[in-house]
Amino acid sequence: MAKSITQEFVKGLWDEIPPFRLVLGLCPTLAVTKSVENGLGMGVAVIFVLVCSNMLVSLLRNIIPSKVRIACFIVIIATFVIVVELLMQAYTYPLFLKLGIFIPLIVVNCVVLGRAEAFAYKNSVVRSIVDGFGIGVGFTISLVALGALREVFGSGTFFGIPVFGASFQPFTFMIEAPGAFVCLGLMLSLMNLAENK
């Protein structure tokens, strides 16, 4: 039985949330979430690329030969990544500098390519747009939540605003690479506990 449009959107918020359920997109999840701002910026960029690439793949699905579909998906995704990169350079240059190489690497993000292959190539344009938006929003929520946890305890700030008194000693381990793995593991275990209950 086919899912409703609402179910297609909602599945990306919990059942198929990329870093936690699908275990995809871990490289940017761990690398850019030193702050909430970085997580939000990367999440919005991925939403744009996911929605646009899903839409175009779905529109062209009857034209794209199956033998070269992955190459075609990468060209489509790369086109929208370039658009995002240019827009970020023009309007959010400081954030663009913070995210660095991870913006161009959206091209090979398994979340984006996986949705093109597993969903957009097999479904209608509307369903593909809703799927891309739902998965993108779920990915953004994951990045923001992880970024908030790491920033609050690792820097003592939230969106750069101090949240503790002057005597607070930041737990700098949280904003280092091993801290990202620990935070991700803790969040994953909490999600599993919530699901089991």
N, C-alpha and C. Protein backbone atom coordinates (compact mmCIF):
# COMPACT_ATOMS: atom_id res chain seq x y z
N MET A 1 0.84 -1.19 0.00
CA MET A 1 0.00 0.00 0.00
C MET A 1 0.88 1.24 0.00
N ALA A 2 0.60 2.17 -0.89
CA ALA A 2 1.40 3.38 -1.03
C ALA A 2 1.18 4.31 0.17
N LYS A 3 2.26 4.98 0.57
CA LYS A 3 2.17 5.93 1.67
C LYS A 3 1.51 7.21 1.19
N SER A 4 0.85 7.92 2.11
CA SER A 4 0.28 9.22 1.77
C SER A 4 1.42 10.23 1.67
N ILE A 5 1.11 11.39 1.12
CA ILE A 5 2.11 12.46 0.99
C ILE A 5 2.64 12.86 2.37
N THR A 6 1.74 12.95 3.35
CA THR A 6 2.16 13.31 4.71
C THR A 6 3.12 12.26 5.28
N GLN A 7 2.82 10.99 5.06
CA GLN A 7 3.70 9.93 5.54
C GLN A 7 5.06 9.98 4.87
N GLU A 8 5.09 10.35 3.58
CA GLU A 8 6.36 10.48 2.87
C GLU A 8 7.23 11.55 3.52
N PHE A 9 6.60 12.64 3.97
CA PHE A 9 7.35 13.70 4.63
C PHE A 9 7.79 13.28 6.04
N VAL A 10 6.85 12.76 6.81
CA VAL A 10 7.10 12.46 8.22
C VAL A 10 8.14 11.35 8.41
N LYS A 11 8.25 10.42 7.47
CA LYS A 11 9.21 9.32 7.63
C LYS A 11 10.65 9.84 7.79
N GLY A 12 10.94 10.98 7.17
CA GLY A 12 12.28 11.56 7.27
C GLY A 12 12.58 12.21 8.61
N LEU A 13 11.55 12.41 9.42
CA LEU A 13 11.73 13.06 10.71
C LEU A 13 12.03 12.08 11.84
N TRP A 14 11.74 10.79 11.61
CA TRP A 14 12.04 9.80 12.66
C TRP A 14 12.40 8.44 12.08
N ASP A 15 11.51 7.82 11.33
CA ASP A 15 11.73 6.45 10.85
C ASP A 15 12.94 6.32 9.95
N GLU A 16 13.20 7.33 9.12
CA GLU A 16 14.33 7.27 8.19
C GLU A 16 15.25 8.48 8.34
N ILE A 17 15.38 8.99 9.55
CA ILE A 17 16.25 10.16 9.78
C ILE A 17 17.69 9.74 9.45
N PRO A 18 18.31 10.44 8.51
CA PRO A 18 19.57 9.93 7.91
C PRO A 18 20.69 9.50 8.85
N PRO A 19 21.21 10.35 9.74
CA PRO A 19 22.37 9.89 10.51
C PRO A 19 22.04 8.81 11.54
N PHE A 20 20.81 8.80 12.03
CA PHE A 20 20.47 7.90 13.12
C PHE A 20 19.81 6.61 12.67
N ARG A 21 18.94 6.66 11.69
CA ARG A 21 18.24 5.46 11.25
C ARG A 21 18.88 4.83 10.02
N LEU A 22 19.19 5.67 9.04
CA LEU A 22 19.79 5.15 7.81
C LEU A 22 21.31 5.06 7.91
N VAL A 23 21.87 5.70 8.92
CA VAL A 23 23.31 5.79 9.15
C VAL A 23 24.02 6.24 7.86
N LEU A 24 23.50 7.31 7.29
CA LEU A 24 24.08 7.92 6.09
C LEU A 24 24.43 9.36 6.38
N GLY A 25 25.37 9.89 5.62
CA GLY A 25 25.76 11.29 5.76
C GLY A 25 26.54 11.56 7.04
N LEU A 26 27.27 10.56 7.52
CA LEU A 26 27.98 10.72 8.78
C LEU A 26 29.18 11.67 8.68
N CYS A 27 29.82 11.75 7.52
CA CYS A 27 30.99 12.61 7.39
C CYS A 27 30.64 14.07 7.68
N PRO A 28 29.65 14.68 7.00
CA PRO A 28 29.32 16.06 7.35
C PRO A 28 28.68 16.15 8.73
N THR A 29 27.96 15.12 9.13
CA THR A 29 27.33 15.15 10.45
C THR A 29 28.37 15.32 11.54
N LEU A 30 29.45 14.60 11.44
CA LEU A 30 30.49 14.67 12.46
C LEU A 30 31.42 15.88 12.27
N ALA A 31 31.65 16.27 11.03
CA ALA A 31 32.64 17.30 10.75
C ALA A 31 32.15 18.73 10.96
N VAL A 32 30.91 19.02 10.60
CA VAL A 32 30.48 20.42 10.61
C VAL A 32 29.66 20.80 11.83
N THR A 33 29.41 19.89 12.74
CA THR A 33 28.51 20.19 13.86
C THR A 33 29.21 20.71 15.10
N LYS A 34 30.27 21.49 14.93
CA LYS A 34 30.90 22.12 16.09
C LYS A 34 30.02 23.22 16.66
N SER A 35 29.09 23.70 15.84
CA SER A 35 28.16 24.75 16.29
C SER A 35 26.81 24.56 15.64
N VAL A 36 25.81 25.18 16.24
CA VAL A 36 24.45 25.12 15.71
C VAL A 36 24.40 25.80 14.33
N GLU A 37 25.08 26.93 14.21
CA GLU A 37 25.08 27.68 12.95
C GLU A 37 25.60 26.82 11.80
N ASN A 38 26.70 26.12 12.03
CA ASN A 38 27.25 25.24 10.99
C ASN A 38 26.27 24.13 10.62
N GLY A 39 25.67 23.50 11.63
CA GLY A 39 24.72 22.43 11.38
C GLY A 39 23.51 22.92 10.60
N LEU A 40 23.00 24.09 10.97
CA LEU A 40 21.84 24.64 10.28
C LEU A 40 22.19 25.01 8.84
N GLY A 41 23.36 25.62 8.64
CA GLY A 41 23.79 26.00 7.29
C GLY A 41 23.95 24.80 6.38
N MET A 42 24.59 23.75 6.88
CA MET A 42 24.76 22.54 6.09
C MET A 42 23.41 21.88 5.82
N GLY A 43 22.55 21.86 6.82
CA GLY A 43 21.23 21.25 6.67
C GLY A 43 20.39 21.94 5.60
N VAL A 44 20.38 23.26 5.60
CA VAL A 44 19.61 24.01 4.60
C VAL A 44 20.17 23.76 3.20
N ALA A 45 21.49 23.71 3.09
CA ALA A 45 22.12 23.42 1.79
C ALA A 45 21.70 22.03 1.29
N VAL A 46 21.69 21.05 2.19
CA VAL A 46 21.30 19.68 1.80
C VAL A 46 19.82 19.62 1.45
N ILE A 47 18.97 20.35 2.17
CA ILE A 47 17.53 20.38 1.83
C ILE A 47 17.36 20.87 0.40
N PHE A 48 18.02 21.98 0.06
CA PHE A 48 17.90 22.54 -1.29
C PHE A 48 18.34 21.52 -2.34
N VAL A 49 19.50 20.92 -2.13
CA VAL A 49 20.03 19.96 -3.10
C VAL A 49 19.12 18.73 -3.20
N LEU A 50 18.66 18.22 -2.07
CA LEU A 50 17.78 17.04 -2.07
C LEU A 50 16.48 17.29 -2.81
N VAL A 51 15.82 18.40 -2.50
CA VAL A 51 14.53 18.69 -3.11
C VAL A 51 14.69 18.89 -4.62
N CYS A 52 15.67 19.70 -5.01
CA CYS A 52 15.86 19.99 -6.44
C CYS A 52 16.32 18.77 -7.22
N SER A 53 17.26 18.02 -6.68
CA SER A 53 17.75 16.84 -7.40
C SER A 53 16.69 15.75 -7.47
N ASN A 54 15.94 15.54 -6.38
CA ASN A 54 14.85 14.56 -6.42
C ASN A 54 13.82 14.94 -7.48
N MET A 55 13.50 16.23 -7.54
CA MET A 55 12.52 16.70 -8.51
C MET A 55 13.00 16.43 -9.95
N LEU A 56 14.24 16.79 -10.24
CA LEU A 56 14.75 16.64 -11.59
C LEU A 56 14.95 15.17 -11.97
N VAL A 57 15.43 14.37 -11.03
CA VAL A 57 15.59 12.93 -11.31
C VAL A 57 14.23 12.31 -11.61
N SER A 58 13.21 12.68 -10.84
CA SER A 58 11.88 12.14 -11.07
C SER A 58 11.32 12.59 -12.42
N LEU A 59 11.56 13.84 -12.76
CA LEU A 59 11.10 14.35 -14.06
C LEU A 59 11.75 13.62 -15.23
N LEU A 60 13.03 13.27 -15.06
CA LEU A 60 13.80 12.66 -16.15
C LEU A 60 13.89 11.14 -16.06
N ARG A 61 13.20 10.53 -15.11
CA ARG A 61 13.39 9.09 -14.85
C ARG A 61 13.07 8.21 -16.05
N ASN A 62 12.15 8.64 -16.91
CA ASN A 62 11.81 7.82 -18.08
C ASN A 62 12.76 8.08 -19.25
N ILE A 63 13.61 9.09 -19.12
CA ILE A 63 14.56 9.44 -20.18
C ILE A 63 15.96 8.90 -19.86
N ILE A 64 16.30 8.90 -18.56
CA ILE A 64 17.65 8.46 -18.15
C ILE A 64 17.79 6.95 -18.35
N PRO A 65 18.75 6.50 -19.16
CA PRO A 65 18.97 5.05 -19.32
C PRO A 65 19.47 4.44 -18.01
N SER A 66 18.97 3.28 -17.67
CA SER A 66 19.32 2.67 -16.39
C SER A 66 20.81 2.37 -16.25
N LYS A 67 21.49 2.11 -17.37
CA LYS A 67 22.92 1.78 -17.30
C LYS A 67 23.79 2.96 -16.88
N VAL A 68 23.32 4.17 -17.13
CA VAL A 68 24.12 5.35 -16.78
C VAL A 68 23.41 6.24 -15.75
N ARG A 69 22.45 5.67 -15.04
CA ARG A 69 21.65 6.48 -14.13
C ARG A 69 22.47 7.10 -13.01
N ILE A 70 23.42 6.36 -12.44
CA ILE A 70 24.21 6.90 -11.32
C ILE A 70 25.03 8.10 -11.79
N ALA A 71 25.65 7.99 -12.96
CA ALA A 71 26.41 9.12 -13.50
C ALA A 71 25.50 10.32 -13.75
N CYS A 72 24.31 10.06 -14.25
CA CYS A 72 23.35 11.14 -14.48
C CYS A 72 22.91 11.77 -13.15
N PHE A 73 22.69 10.95 -12.15
CA PHE A 73 22.30 11.47 -10.83
C PHE A 73 23.39 12.39 -10.30
N ILE A 74 24.65 11.97 -10.44
CA ILE A 74 25.77 12.77 -9.92
C ILE A 74 25.86 14.11 -10.65
N VAL A 75 25.63 14.11 -11.97
CA VAL A 75 25.65 15.37 -12.72
C VAL A 75 24.52 16.29 -12.25
N ILE A 76 23.34 15.73 -12.05
CA ILE A 76 22.20 16.53 -11.58
C ILE A 76 22.49 17.09 -10.19
N ILE A 77 22.96 16.24 -9.29
CA ILE A 77 23.26 16.68 -7.92
C ILE A 77 24.36 17.72 -7.93
N ALA A 78 25.41 17.50 -8.72
CA ALA A 78 26.53 18.45 -8.79
C ALA A 78 26.07 19.82 -9.26
N THR A 79 25.11 19.84 -10.18
CA THR A 79 24.58 21.12 -10.67
C THR A 79 23.97 21.92 -9.53
N PHE A 80 23.16 21.28 -8.71
CA PHE A 80 22.52 21.99 -7.61
C PHE A 80 23.50 22.31 -6.48
N VAL A 81 24.51 21.49 -6.31
CA VAL A 81 25.55 21.81 -5.32
C VAL A 81 26.30 23.07 -5.73
N ILE A 82 26.59 23.21 -7.01
CA ILE A 82 27.26 24.42 -7.50
C ILE A 82 26.38 25.65 -7.26
N VAL A 83 25.07 25.50 -7.49
CA VAL A 83 24.15 26.61 -7.22
C VAL A 83 24.22 27.00 -5.75
N VAL A 84 24.16 26.01 -4.85
CA VAL A 84 24.24 26.27 -3.40
C VAL A 84 25.56 26.94 -3.05
N GLU A 85 26.64 26.42 -3.61
CA GLU A 85 27.97 26.96 -3.31
C GLU A 85 28.06 28.43 -3.72
N LEU A 86 27.58 28.75 -4.91
CA LEU A 86 27.62 30.13 -5.39
C LEU A 86 26.72 31.05 -4.55
N LEU A 87 25.54 30.56 -4.18
CA LEU A 87 24.65 31.35 -3.34
C LEU A 87 25.27 31.61 -1.96
N MET A 88 25.90 30.59 -1.40
CA MET A 88 26.54 30.77 -0.09
C MET A 88 27.72 31.74 -0.18
N GLN A 89 28.48 31.65 -1.25
CA GLN A 89 29.60 32.60 -1.43
C GLN A 89 29.08 34.02 -1.54
N ALA A 90 27.94 34.19 -2.19
CA ALA A 90 27.39 35.52 -2.42
C ALA A 90 26.71 36.10 -1.18
N TYR A 91 25.98 35.26 -0.42
CA TYR A 91 25.14 35.80 0.65
C TYR A 91 25.54 35.41 2.07
N THR A 92 26.26 34.31 2.24
CA THR A 92 26.66 33.88 3.59
C THR A 92 28.13 33.48 3.58
N TYR A 93 28.96 34.38 3.13
CA TYR A 93 30.38 34.04 2.93
C TYR A 93 31.07 33.54 4.20
N PRO A 94 30.88 34.16 5.38
CA PRO A 94 31.54 33.62 6.59
C PRO A 94 31.14 32.16 6.87
N LEU A 95 29.86 31.84 6.69
CA LEU A 95 29.41 30.46 6.89
C LEU A 95 30.01 29.55 5.83
N PHE A 96 30.06 30.03 4.60
CA PHE A 96 30.68 29.26 3.52
C PHE A 96 32.12 28.89 3.87
N LEU A 97 32.87 29.84 4.44
CA LEU A 97 34.26 29.58 4.84
C LEU A 97 34.33 28.55 5.96
N LYS A 98 33.39 28.60 6.90
CA LYS A 98 33.39 27.64 8.01
C LYS A 98 33.10 26.22 7.53
N LEU A 99 32.17 26.10 6.58
CA LEU A 99 31.79 24.77 6.09
C LEU A 99 32.81 24.20 5.11
N GLY A 100 33.53 25.09 4.43
CA GLY A 100 34.65 24.70 3.58
C GLY A 100 34.34 23.61 2.57
N ILE A 101 35.15 22.58 2.58
CA ILE A 101 35.09 21.50 1.59
C ILE A 101 33.80 20.69 1.68
N PHE A 102 33.09 20.78 2.80
CA PHE A 102 31.91 19.95 2.98
C PHE A 102 30.73 20.38 2.13
N ILE A 103 30.73 21.61 1.63
CA ILE A 103 29.68 22.03 0.69
C ILE A 103 29.85 21.29 -0.65
N PRO A 104 31.03 21.36 -1.30
CA PRO A 104 31.17 20.59 -2.55
C PRO A 104 30.99 19.08 -2.36
N LEU A 105 31.29 18.59 -1.18
CA LEU A 105 31.17 17.15 -0.93
C LEU A 105 29.72 16.67 -0.81
N ILE A 106 28.75 17.60 -0.84
CA ILE A 106 27.35 17.19 -0.86
C ILE A 106 27.09 16.33 -2.09
N VAL A 107 27.87 16.55 -3.15
CA VAL A 107 27.71 15.78 -4.40
C VAL A 107 27.78 14.28 -4.12
N VAL A 108 28.67 13.87 -3.25
CA VAL A 108 28.85 12.45 -2.98
C VAL A 108 28.24 12.02 -1.65
N ASN A 109 27.41 12.88 -1.07
CA ASN A 109 26.73 12.53 0.17
C ASN A 109 25.76 11.38 -0.11
N CYS A 110 25.89 10.32 0.64
CA CYS A 110 25.06 9.13 0.43
C CYS A 110 23.58 9.41 0.62
N VAL A 111 23.24 10.39 1.44
CA VAL A 111 21.83 10.72 1.66
C VAL A 111 21.22 11.19 0.34
N VAL A 112 21.89 12.12 -0.34
CA VAL A 112 21.36 12.71 -1.57
C VAL A 112 21.33 11.68 -2.70
N LEU A 113 22.44 11.02 -2.90
CA LEU A 113 22.52 10.01 -3.97
C LEU A 113 21.58 8.84 -3.70
N GLY A 114 21.48 8.45 -2.44
CA GLY A 114 20.59 7.35 -2.05
C GLY A 114 19.13 7.66 -2.31
N ARG A 115 18.71 8.89 -2.04
CA ARG A 115 17.31 9.26 -2.29
C ARG A 115 17.03 9.31 -3.78
N ALA A 116 18.00 9.76 -4.58
CA ALA A 116 17.80 9.77 -6.03
C ALA A 116 17.61 8.35 -6.55
N GLU A 117 18.46 7.44 -6.09
CA GLU A 117 18.42 6.05 -6.56
C GLU A 117 17.23 5.29 -5.99
N ALA A 118 17.02 5.38 -4.69
CA ALA A 118 16.01 4.56 -4.03
C ALA A 118 14.60 5.11 -4.14
N PHE A 119 14.47 6.41 -4.34
CA PHE A 119 13.11 6.97 -4.32
C PHE A 119 12.75 7.75 -5.58
N ALA A 120 13.50 8.81 -5.89
CA ALA A 120 13.10 9.71 -6.98
C ALA A 120 13.05 9.01 -8.33
N TYR A 121 13.95 8.05 -8.56
CA TYR A 121 13.99 7.35 -9.85
C TYR A 121 12.78 6.43 -10.05
N LYS A 122 12.04 6.18 -8.95
CA LYS A 122 10.93 5.23 -9.00
C LYS A 122 9.57 5.86 -8.71
N ASN A 123 9.55 7.16 -8.38
CA ASN A 123 8.30 7.78 -7.93
C ASN A 123 7.98 9.07 -8.67
N SER A 124 6.77 9.57 -8.45
CA SER A 124 6.31 10.79 -9.11
C SER A 124 7.06 12.02 -8.60
N VAL A 125 6.91 13.12 -9.32
CA VAL A 125 7.61 14.36 -8.97
C VAL A 125 7.17 14.86 -7.60
N VAL A 126 5.87 14.90 -7.34
CA VAL A 126 5.37 15.42 -6.06
C VAL A 126 5.89 14.57 -4.91
N ARG A 127 5.78 13.26 -5.02
CA ARG A 127 6.27 12.37 -3.96
C ARG A 127 7.76 12.55 -3.76
N SER A 128 8.51 12.72 -4.85
CA SER A 128 9.96 12.88 -4.76
C SER A 128 10.35 14.19 -4.08
N ILE A 129 9.61 15.25 -4.37
CA ILE A 129 9.87 16.54 -3.71
C ILE A 129 9.59 16.43 -2.22
N VAL A 130 8.45 15.82 -1.88
CA VAL A 130 8.08 15.68 -0.46
C VAL A 130 9.08 14.78 0.26
N ASP A 131 9.51 13.70 -0.37
CA ASP A 131 10.52 12.82 0.21
C ASP A 131 11.82 13.58 0.46
N GLY A 132 12.28 14.32 -0.54
CA GLY A 132 13.51 15.09 -0.39
C GLY A 132 13.41 16.11 0.72
N PHE A 133 12.27 16.77 0.80
CA PHE A 133 12.09 17.79 1.85
C PHE A 133 12.06 17.15 3.23
N GLY A 134 11.33 16.04 3.37
CA GLY A 134 11.24 15.35 4.67
C GLY A 134 12.59 14.82 5.14
N ILE A 135 13.31 14.15 4.23
CA ILE A 135 14.63 13.62 4.58
C ILE A 135 15.59 14.77 4.89
N GLY A 136 15.50 15.85 4.11
CA GLY A 136 16.36 17.02 4.33
C GLY A 136 16.10 17.69 5.67
N VAL A 137 14.83 17.84 6.02
CA VAL A 137 14.48 18.44 7.31
C VAL A 137 14.96 17.54 8.45
N GLY A 138 14.77 16.23 8.32
CA GLY A 138 15.27 15.30 9.34
C GLY A 138 16.77 15.38 9.50
N PHE A 139 17.48 15.49 8.37
CA PHE A 139 18.94 15.63 8.40
C PHE A 139 19.33 16.93 9.09
N THR A 140 18.61 18.00 8.78
CA THR A 140 18.89 19.30 9.40
C THR A 140 18.65 19.26 10.90
N ILE A 141 17.56 18.65 11.32
CA ILE A 141 17.27 18.51 12.76
C ILE A 141 18.40 17.75 13.44
N SER A 142 18.88 16.70 12.81
CA SER A 142 19.99 15.92 13.37
C SER A 142 21.24 16.77 13.54
N LEU A 143 21.57 17.53 12.49
CA LEU A 143 22.77 18.37 12.54
C LEU A 143 22.64 19.45 13.59
N VAL A 144 21.47 20.08 13.67
CA VAL A 144 21.26 21.16 14.65
C VAL A 144 21.31 20.60 16.07
N ALA A 145 20.67 19.46 16.30
CA ALA A 145 20.67 18.86 17.65
C ALA A 145 22.09 18.48 18.08
N LEU A 146 22.82 17.85 17.17
CA LEU A 146 24.20 17.46 17.49
C LEU A 146 25.07 18.70 17.66
N GLY A 147 24.87 19.70 16.81
CA GLY A 147 25.63 20.95 16.92
C GLY A 147 25.33 21.67 18.22
N ALA A 148 24.06 21.66 18.64
CA ALA A 148 23.68 22.31 19.90
C ALA A 148 24.35 21.63 21.09
N LEU A 149 24.30 20.32 21.12
CA LEU A 149 24.92 19.57 22.21
C LEU A 149 26.42 19.86 22.29
N ARG A 150 27.08 19.81 21.14
CA ARG A 150 28.53 20.02 21.12
C ARG A 150 28.89 21.48 21.44
N GLU A 151 28.11 22.43 20.91
CA GLU A 151 28.44 23.83 21.14
C GLU A 151 28.19 24.25 22.59
N VAL A 152 27.05 23.82 23.14
CA VAL A 152 26.72 24.21 24.51
C VAL A 152 27.76 23.70 25.50
N PHE A 153 28.11 22.43 25.40
CA PHE A 153 29.05 21.87 26.37
C PHE A 153 30.52 22.08 25.97
N GLY A 154 30.79 22.19 24.69
CA GLY A 154 32.17 22.35 24.24
C GLY A 154 32.65 23.78 24.20
N SER A 155 31.72 24.73 24.01
CA SER A 155 32.11 26.14 23.95
C SER A 155 31.38 26.99 24.98
N GLY A 156 30.30 26.46 25.55
CA GLY A 156 29.52 27.23 26.51
C GLY A 156 28.63 28.27 25.85
N THR A 157 28.35 28.09 24.56
CA THR A 157 27.52 29.05 23.84
C THR A 157 26.41 28.32 23.08
N PHE A 158 25.42 29.10 22.64
CA PHE A 158 24.37 28.60 21.75
C PHE A 158 24.15 29.67 20.71
N PHE A 159 24.42 29.35 19.45
CA PHE A 159 24.43 30.33 18.36
C PHE A 159 25.40 31.46 18.68
N GLY A 160 26.50 31.12 19.37
CA GLY A 160 27.52 32.11 19.70
C GLY A 160 27.22 32.95 20.92
N ILE A 161 26.05 32.75 21.53
CA ILE A 161 25.66 33.52 22.72
C ILE A 161 25.99 32.70 23.96
N PRO A 162 26.75 33.27 24.92
CA PRO A 162 27.10 32.52 26.14
C PRO A 162 25.85 32.08 26.90
N VAL A 163 25.85 30.82 27.34
CA VAL A 163 24.70 30.29 28.08
C VAL A 163 25.03 29.97 29.54
N PHE A 164 26.30 30.00 29.89
CA PHE A 164 26.72 29.75 31.26
C PHE A 164 27.45 30.99 31.78
N GLY A 165 27.68 31.03 33.07
CA GLY A 165 28.39 32.15 33.67
C GLY A 165 29.86 32.17 33.28
N ALA A 166 30.54 33.22 33.73
CA ALA A 166 31.95 33.41 33.39
C ALA A 166 32.84 32.31 33.97
N SER A 167 32.38 31.64 35.01
CA SER A 167 33.19 30.59 35.65
C SER A 167 33.11 29.24 34.92
N PHE A 168 32.27 29.14 33.90
CA PHE A 168 32.10 27.88 33.19
C PHE A 168 33.38 27.51 32.44
N GLN A 169 33.81 26.28 32.64
CA GLN A 169 34.97 25.76 31.92
C GLN A 169 34.47 24.83 30.82
N PRO A 170 34.57 25.23 29.55
CA PRO A 170 34.05 24.39 28.47
C PRO A 170 34.74 23.02 28.43
N PHE A 171 33.96 22.04 28.07
CA PHE A 171 34.45 20.68 27.91
C PHE A 171 34.89 20.55 26.45
N THR A 172 36.09 21.04 26.15
CA THR A 172 36.54 21.19 24.76
C THR A 172 36.60 19.87 23.99
N PHE A 173 36.62 18.76 24.69
CA PHE A 173 36.57 17.45 24.03
C PHE A 173 35.36 17.36 23.11
N MET A 174 34.26 18.04 23.50
CA MET A 174 33.01 17.94 22.74
C MET A 174 33.12 18.54 21.34
N ILE A 175 33.98 19.52 21.14
CA ILE A 175 34.08 20.13 19.81
C ILE A 175 35.23 19.55 18.98
N GLU A 176 35.88 18.53 19.51
CA GLU A 176 36.91 17.81 18.76
C GLU A 176 36.27 16.61 18.07
N ALA A 177 37.01 16.01 17.15
CA ALA A 177 36.48 14.87 16.38
C ALA A 177 36.00 13.71 17.25
N PRO A 178 36.76 13.28 18.27
CA PRO A 178 36.26 12.18 19.12
C PRO A 178 34.96 12.55 19.85
N GLY A 179 34.84 13.82 20.21
CA GLY A 179 33.62 14.28 20.88
C GLY A 179 32.40 14.15 19.99
N ALA A 180 32.61 14.34 18.68
CA ALA A 180 31.50 14.19 17.73
C ALA A 180 30.99 12.75 17.74
N PHE A 181 31.90 11.78 17.75
CA PHE A 181 31.52 10.37 17.79
C PHE A 181 30.79 10.03 19.09
N VAL A 182 31.30 10.54 20.20
CA VAL A 182 30.67 10.27 21.49
C VAL A 182 29.26 10.85 21.54
N CYS A 183 29.11 12.11 21.09
CA CYS A 183 27.79 12.75 21.09
C CYS A 183 26.81 12.01 20.18
N LEU A 184 27.29 11.63 19.00
CA LEU A 184 26.44 10.89 18.07
C LEU A 184 25.99 9.57 18.69
N GLY A 185 26.93 8.87 19.32
CA GLY A 185 26.59 7.60 19.98
C GLY A 185 25.59 7.78 21.10
N LEU A 186 25.76 8.83 21.91
CA LEU A 186 24.81 9.10 23.00
C LEU A 186 23.42 9.40 22.46
N MET A 187 23.37 10.23 21.41
CA MET A 187 22.07 10.57 20.83
C MET A 187 21.40 9.35 20.21
N LEU A 188 22.20 8.52 19.56
CA LEU A 188 21.66 7.29 18.96
C LEU A 188 21.12 6.35 20.03
N SER A 189 21.83 6.23 21.14
CA SER A 189 21.36 5.36 22.22
C SER A 189 20.08 5.90 22.85
N LEU A 190 19.97 7.23 22.99
CA LEU A 190 18.75 7.82 23.53
C LEU A 190 17.56 7.59 22.60
N MET A 191 17.81 7.69 21.29
CA MET A 191 16.74 7.42 20.33
C MET A 191 16.29 5.96 20.41
N ASN A 192 17.25 5.06 20.54
CA ASN A 192 16.91 3.64 20.66
C ASN A 192 16.14 3.35 21.95
N LEU A 193 16.53 4.00 23.04
CA LEU A 193 15.80 3.84 24.30
C LEU A 193 14.37 4.34 24.16
N ALA A 194 14.22 5.50 23.53
CA ALA A 194 12.87 6.08 23.35
C ALA A 194 12.03 5.17 22.48
N GLU A 195 12.62 4.59 21.45
CA GLU A 195 11.89 3.70 20.54
C GLU A 195 11.47 2.42 21.26
N ASN A 196 12.35 1.87 22.09
CA ASN A 196 12.04 0.62 22.80
C ASN A 196 10.96 0.80 23.85
N LYS A 197 10.84 2.00 24.40
CA LYS A 197 9.82 2.24 25.41
C LYS A 197 8.50 2.56 24.74
